[in-house]
Amino acid sequence: MKLICPFFLTAFLILAGSCKLFHKDNTESQEEGKTSRHTSITAATKVDTQAIEIPAISSGDMLIAHTGYALCYDISYHNPKWVAWSLTREKLTKRVPRHNDFRGDENIPARDRIEKYDYNNPVYDRGHMCPSGDMRYDRQAQSDCFYMTNICPQIKELNQTWWEHVESATRRWAQREGTVYICCGPIFYDDTPERSLGRNIKIRIPDAFFKVILSLRQGKEKAIGFYYTNTNDRQTMDFAKRTVDEIERITGLDFFCNLPDDMEERIESQCNLRIWN
């Protein structure tokens, strides 16, 4: 027995250690799977991160590609973090009908998916980030821009007046410049009272919105930013204009990061609405 007991004791310790190691590895694997479920999307929705309009990507960003535009989704606020697309003169020559088919985005897990009926507050519109008017060159692009991942709660006055003004201006600029690159999205401040809406899911109401626009017309490269509060206030484009650098400071995002550094630094410090008009 004196010879056998040490043997069995050693075997027991090895087996126990193996079980403990297996449990640790299995737990870590489950945790990794849990994290990735909330921070990434399937390869089918891969975004071209080298496209001019795409801002710098952060670790854990949830990226989704749809016909005509791409977005980064913030599942904690149930809003896009940003939406980006390019608009060309050629795209504006085609005008398919507006779809109005607001619907949930199946790229988002069902328990976190916003549906049309979740916008149940009469004060706020379903505000497009990538607008329907920019996506009328293709039936699929027009339909895809009505995914709720492209929508934010916007005060009616802002959505239907001041935000619409900059959307219309961007289309005019695309006609003149040939191509413009656009990125926009909501802004949330930690030091303001949290507002939300939603029937089944709590959708955070943004405090403000940004939009940045770039033209690379040879010899006349330029960029401009806009900042709008999510209020009923009068906000003309001249009032809302900002440099892209200012919008970067507000949002913490790095726009047009795929440009050469010297060009990026030069044009992102501009805020001259006259050279666009």
Protein backbone atom coordinates (compact mmCIF):
# COMPACT_ATOMS: atom_id res chain seq x y z
CA MET A 1 0.00 0.00 0.00
CA LYS A 2 2.82 2.41 0.75
CA LEU A 3 3.99 1.98 -2.85
CA ILE A 4 0.54 2.15 -4.41
CA CYS A 5 -0.83 5.22 -2.56
CA PRO A 6 1.75 7.70 -3.90
CA PHE A 7 1.01 6.47 -7.39
CA PHE A 8 -2.74 6.97 -7.05
CA LEU A 9 -2.24 10.32 -5.33
CA THR A 10 -0.05 11.53 -8.20
CA ALA A 11 -2.57 10.34 -10.79
CA PHE A 12 -5.42 12.05 -8.92
CA LEU A 13 -3.54 15.38 -8.81
CA ILE A 14 -2.72 15.22 -12.53
CA LEU A 15 -6.36 14.45 -13.39
CA ALA A 16 -7.67 17.24 -11.15
CA GLY A 17 -5.21 19.70 -12.66
CA SER A 18 -6.26 18.73 -16.16
CA CYS A 19 -9.93 19.21 -15.30
CA LYS A 20 -9.22 22.63 -13.80
CA LEU A 21 -7.18 23.65 -16.87
CA PHE A 22 -9.93 22.44 -19.19
CA HIS A 23 -12.55 24.37 -17.25
CA LYS A 24 -10.42 27.56 -17.42
CA ASP A 25 -9.80 27.21 -21.15
CA ASN A 26 -13.45 26.43 -21.81
CA THR A 27 -14.59 29.44 -19.76
CA GLU A 28 -12.16 31.74 -21.59
CA SER A 29 -13.38 30.38 -24.90
CA GLN A 30 -16.99 31.06 -23.92
CA GLU A 31 -16.10 34.60 -22.80
CA GLU A 32 -14.26 35.26 -26.07
CA GLY A 33 -17.27 34.05 -28.01
CA LYS A 34 -19.56 36.23 -25.91
CA THR A 35 -17.41 39.31 -26.57
CA SER A 36 -17.06 38.73 -30.30
CA ARG A 37 -20.82 38.37 -30.64
CA HIS A 38 -21.22 41.96 -29.50
CA THR A 39 -18.27 43.56 -31.27
CA SER A 40 -18.11 42.09 -34.75
CA ILE A 41 -20.28 41.22 -37.69
CA THR A 42 -20.06 38.33 -40.14
CA ALA A 43 -17.61 38.45 -43.02
CA ALA A 44 -20.56 38.86 -45.40
CA THR A 45 -20.86 42.47 -44.27
CA LYS A 46 -17.17 43.33 -44.66
CA VAL A 47 -16.43 47.05 -45.00
CA ASP A 48 -13.65 48.40 -47.24
CA THR A 49 -11.71 50.20 -44.52
CA GLN A 50 -9.38 51.74 -47.13
CA ALA A 51 -12.20 53.71 -48.77
CA ILE A 52 -11.70 57.48 -48.52
CA GLU A 53 -14.97 58.10 -46.66
CA ILE A 54 -14.33 55.51 -43.92
CA PRO A 55 -12.90 56.98 -40.68
CA ALA A 56 -10.20 55.24 -38.65
CA ILE A 57 -11.48 51.97 -37.18
CA SER A 58 -11.19 51.20 -33.47
CA SER A 59 -10.78 47.76 -31.94
CA GLY A 60 -14.19 46.18 -31.38
CA ASP A 61 -16.05 48.39 -33.87
CA MET A 62 -19.20 46.73 -35.27
CA LEU A 63 -18.96 47.33 -39.02
CA ILE A 64 -21.78 46.71 -41.49
CA ALA A 65 -21.74 47.18 -45.27
CA HIS A 66 -24.96 47.81 -47.20
CA THR A 67 -25.50 48.68 -50.84
CA GLY A 68 -24.27 52.24 -51.27
CA TYR A 69 -22.99 52.91 -47.75
CA ALA A 70 -21.21 51.47 -44.70
CA LEU A 71 -21.70 52.06 -41.01
CA CYS A 72 -20.33 51.42 -37.57
CA TYR A 73 -23.05 50.46 -35.09
CA ASP A 74 -23.09 51.27 -31.37
CA ILE A 75 -25.14 48.50 -29.81
CA SER A 76 -25.06 50.10 -26.35
CA TYR A 77 -26.86 53.25 -27.58
CA HIS A 78 -28.79 51.49 -30.39
CA ASN A 79 -27.62 54.16 -32.85
CA PRO A 80 -24.99 54.16 -35.57
CA LYS A 81 -21.63 55.51 -34.43
CA TRP A 82 -21.05 56.78 -37.96
CA VAL A 83 -22.37 56.21 -41.48
CA ALA A 84 -20.18 56.81 -44.56
CA TRP A 85 -20.66 56.83 -48.33
CA SER A 86 -19.54 58.51 -51.53
CA LEU A 87 -21.83 60.39 -53.89
CA THR A 88 -21.09 61.01 -57.56
CA ARG A 89 -22.54 63.14 -60.32
CA GLU A 90 -23.47 59.97 -62.22
CA LYS A 91 -25.46 58.55 -59.29
CA LEU A 92 -27.59 61.68 -59.20
CA THR A 93 -28.75 61.21 -62.81
CA LYS A 94 -30.86 58.17 -61.81
CA ARG A 95 -33.96 58.65 -59.67
CA VAL A 96 -35.70 55.46 -58.52
CA PRO A 97 -38.77 55.99 -56.29
CA ARG A 98 -38.41 56.44 -52.54
CA HIS A 99 -39.09 53.14 -50.72
CA ASN A 100 -40.08 54.07 -47.15
CA ASP A 101 -39.59 50.45 -46.07
CA PHE A 102 -38.15 51.10 -42.60
CA ARG A 103 -37.14 47.75 -41.06
CA GLY A 104 -34.80 46.03 -38.66
CA ASP A 105 -31.28 45.11 -39.77
CA GLU A 106 -30.75 41.35 -39.61
CA ASN A 107 -27.04 41.90 -39.03
CA ILE A 108 -27.99 42.87 -35.47
CA PRO A 109 -28.92 40.09 -32.97
CA ALA A 110 -32.71 39.87 -32.57
CA ARG A 111 -32.70 40.94 -28.92
CA ASP A 112 -30.89 44.20 -29.85
CA ARG A 113 -32.55 44.84 -33.20
CA ILE A 114 -34.46 48.11 -33.60
CA GLU A 115 -37.70 47.88 -35.56
CA LYS A 116 -39.82 50.58 -37.16
CA TYR A 117 -42.36 50.53 -34.32
CA ASP A 118 -39.69 51.22 -31.67
CA TYR A 119 -39.80 54.88 -32.70
CA ASN A 120 -42.95 55.60 -30.71
CA ASN A 121 -42.33 59.23 -29.72
CA PRO A 122 -44.15 61.87 -31.83
CA VAL A 123 -41.46 64.48 -31.09
CA TYR A 124 -38.75 62.58 -32.99
CA ASP A 125 -38.50 61.53 -36.63
CA ARG A 126 -36.70 58.48 -37.92
CA GLY A 127 -33.76 60.54 -39.10
CA HIS A 128 -31.67 59.10 -41.95
CA MET A 129 -27.91 59.41 -41.67
CA CYS A 130 -27.29 58.28 -45.26
CA PRO A 131 -30.30 59.99 -46.88
CA SER A 132 -32.81 58.42 -49.22
CA GLY A 133 -32.15 61.26 -51.67
CA ASP A 134 -28.52 60.13 -52.09
CA MET A 135 -29.49 56.50 -52.74
CA ARG A 136 -32.01 56.92 -55.54
CA TYR A 137 -29.60 55.66 -58.20
CA ASP A 138 -30.27 51.99 -57.39
CA ARG A 139 -33.31 50.10 -56.07
CA GLN A 140 -31.28 48.04 -53.63
CA ALA A 141 -29.37 51.07 -52.33
CA GLN A 142 -32.69 52.91 -51.90
CA SER A 143 -34.15 50.00 -49.96
CA ASP A 144 -31.02 49.45 -47.85
CA CYS A 145 -30.95 53.04 -46.60
CA PHE A 146 -34.17 52.31 -44.68
CA TYR A 147 -32.50 49.80 -42.37
CA MET A 148 -32.95 51.04 -38.81
CA THR A 149 -29.17 50.87 -38.30
CA ASN A 150 -29.03 53.94 -40.57
CA ILE A 151 -31.56 55.83 -38.46
CA CYS A 152 -31.30 58.11 -35.39
CA PRO A 153 -33.98 59.92 -33.38
CA GLN A 154 -34.04 63.48 -34.72
CA ILE A 155 -36.22 66.40 -33.63
CA LYS A 156 -38.70 67.00 -36.45
CA GLU A 157 -37.60 70.61 -37.02
CA LEU A 158 -33.98 69.52 -37.38
CA ASN A 159 -34.70 66.52 -39.60
CA GLN A 160 -37.12 68.25 -41.94
CA THR A 161 -35.41 71.64 -42.17
CA TRP A 162 -31.80 72.22 -41.14
CA TRP A 163 -30.47 68.67 -41.64
CA GLU A 164 -32.31 68.49 -44.95
CA HIS A 165 -30.63 71.73 -46.05
CA VAL A 166 -27.15 70.22 -45.72
CA GLU A 167 -28.31 67.01 -47.43
CA SER A 168 -29.57 69.00 -50.43
CA ALA A 169 -26.40 71.08 -50.50
CA THR A 170 -24.28 67.92 -50.54
CA ARG A 171 -26.11 66.71 -53.65
CA ARG A 172 -25.48 70.06 -55.36
CA TRP A 173 -21.82 69.81 -54.45
CA ALA A 174 -21.61 66.28 -55.85
CA GLN A 175 -22.99 67.59 -59.15
CA ARG A 176 -20.35 70.32 -59.31
CA GLU A 177 -17.34 68.49 -57.84
CA GLY A 178 -17.94 65.14 -59.54
CA THR A 179 -17.56 63.10 -56.33
CA VAL A 180 -17.91 63.91 -52.65
CA TYR A 181 -17.10 61.69 -49.68
CA ILE A 182 -19.39 61.91 -46.67
CA CYS A 183 -19.47 60.70 -43.08
CA CYS A 184 -22.05 61.61 -40.46
CA GLY A 185 -23.54 60.42 -37.22
CA PRO A 186 -24.87 61.20 -33.75
CA ILE A 187 -23.09 62.79 -30.80
CA PHE A 188 -23.75 61.88 -27.16
CA TYR A 189 -22.54 63.86 -24.17
CA ASP A 190 -21.90 62.18 -20.81
CA ASP A 191 -22.73 65.33 -18.83
CA THR A 192 -26.28 65.77 -20.18
CA PRO A 193 -29.40 64.00 -18.87
CA GLU A 194 -29.95 60.78 -20.76
CA ARG A 195 -33.01 60.76 -23.03
CA SER A 196 -34.39 57.69 -24.75
CA LEU A 197 -37.33 56.27 -26.65
CA GLY A 198 -38.38 52.80 -27.76
CA ARG A 199 -41.17 50.31 -27.23
CA ASN A 200 -39.10 47.19 -26.52
CA ILE A 201 -35.53 48.55 -26.62
CA LYS A 202 -34.08 51.68 -25.05
CA ILE A 203 -32.84 53.88 -27.92
CA ARG A 204 -30.60 56.72 -26.76
CA ILE A 205 -31.60 60.10 -28.18
CA PRO A 206 -28.54 61.97 -29.52
CA ASP A 207 -27.59 65.38 -28.15
CA ALA A 208 -26.25 66.53 -31.53
CA PHE A 209 -25.17 65.38 -34.99
CA PHE A 210 -22.11 65.84 -37.19
CA LYS A 211 -21.45 65.69 -40.91
CA VAL A 212 -18.12 65.96 -42.73
CA ILE A 213 -17.75 66.28 -46.50
CA LEU A 214 -14.69 66.00 -48.73
CA SER A 215 -13.99 66.82 -52.37
CA LEU A 216 -10.82 65.67 -54.11
CA ARG A 217 -11.34 67.61 -57.35
CA GLN A 218 -7.78 68.06 -58.60
CA GLY A 219 -6.28 71.35 -57.55
CA LYS A 220 -9.40 72.28 -55.55
CA GLU A 221 -9.33 69.72 -52.76
CA LYS A 222 -11.38 70.80 -49.76
CA ALA A 223 -13.32 69.58 -46.75
CA ILE A 224 -15.89 71.00 -44.37
CA GLY A 225 -17.75 69.88 -41.28
CA PHE A 226 -21.14 70.66 -39.73
CA TYR A 227 -22.45 70.41 -36.18
CA TYR A 228 -26.18 70.46 -35.35
CA THR A 229 -27.79 70.26 -31.92
CA ASN A 230 -30.79 67.92 -31.69
CA THR A 231 -33.16 70.78 -30.84
CA ASN A 232 -35.80 73.01 -32.42
CA ASP A 233 -33.28 75.85 -32.70
CA ARG A 234 -32.69 77.69 -35.96
CA GLN A 235 -29.44 76.27 -37.41
CA THR A 236 -28.40 77.57 -40.80
CA MET A 237 -25.47 75.99 -42.60
CA ASP A 238 -23.40 79.10 -41.97
CA PHE A 239 -24.13 78.77 -38.24
CA ALA A 240 -23.47 75.01 -38.19
CA LYS A 241 -20.24 74.97 -40.22
CA ARG A 242 -17.05 73.75 -38.54
CA THR A 243 -13.61 72.55 -39.59
CA VAL A 244 -13.19 68.80 -39.82
CA ASP A 245 -10.55 69.17 -37.12
CA GLU A 246 -13.20 70.61 -34.79
CA ILE A 247 -15.59 67.75 -35.52
CA GLU A 248 -12.77 65.29 -34.79
CA ARG A 249 -12.18 66.92 -31.41
CA ILE A 250 -15.88 66.70 -30.56
CA THR A 251 -16.40 63.11 -31.69
CA GLY A 252 -13.01 61.53 -31.07
CA LEU A 253 -13.10 60.13 -34.63
CA ASP A 254 -10.34 60.42 -37.24
CA PHE A 255 -11.91 61.31 -40.60
CA PHE A 256 -10.39 60.88 -44.06
CA CYS A 257 -7.46 59.03 -42.49
CA ASN A 258 -6.69 57.29 -45.80
CA LEU A 259 -5.54 60.55 -47.40
CA PRO A 260 -1.86 61.55 -47.51
CA ASP A 261 -1.04 63.20 -44.17
CA ASP A 262 -0.06 66.57 -45.62
CA MET A 263 -3.31 66.86 -47.58
CA GLU A 264 -5.38 65.69 -44.63
CA GLU A 265 -3.84 68.27 -42.32
CA ARG A 266 -4.30 71.08 -44.82
CA ILE A 267 -7.92 70.55 -45.81
CA GLU A 268 -9.22 69.50 -42.40
CA SER A 269 -8.30 72.92 -40.99
CA GLN A 270 -10.54 74.69 -43.55
CA CYS A 271 -14.03 76.03 -42.85
CA ASN A 272 -14.93 78.10 -45.88
CA LEU A 273 -18.50 77.63 -47.01
CA ARG A 274 -18.07 80.13 -49.86
CA ILE A 275 -15.66 77.88 -51.79
CA TRP A 276 -18.34 75.17 -51.77
CA ASN A 277 -21.12 77.46 -52.91
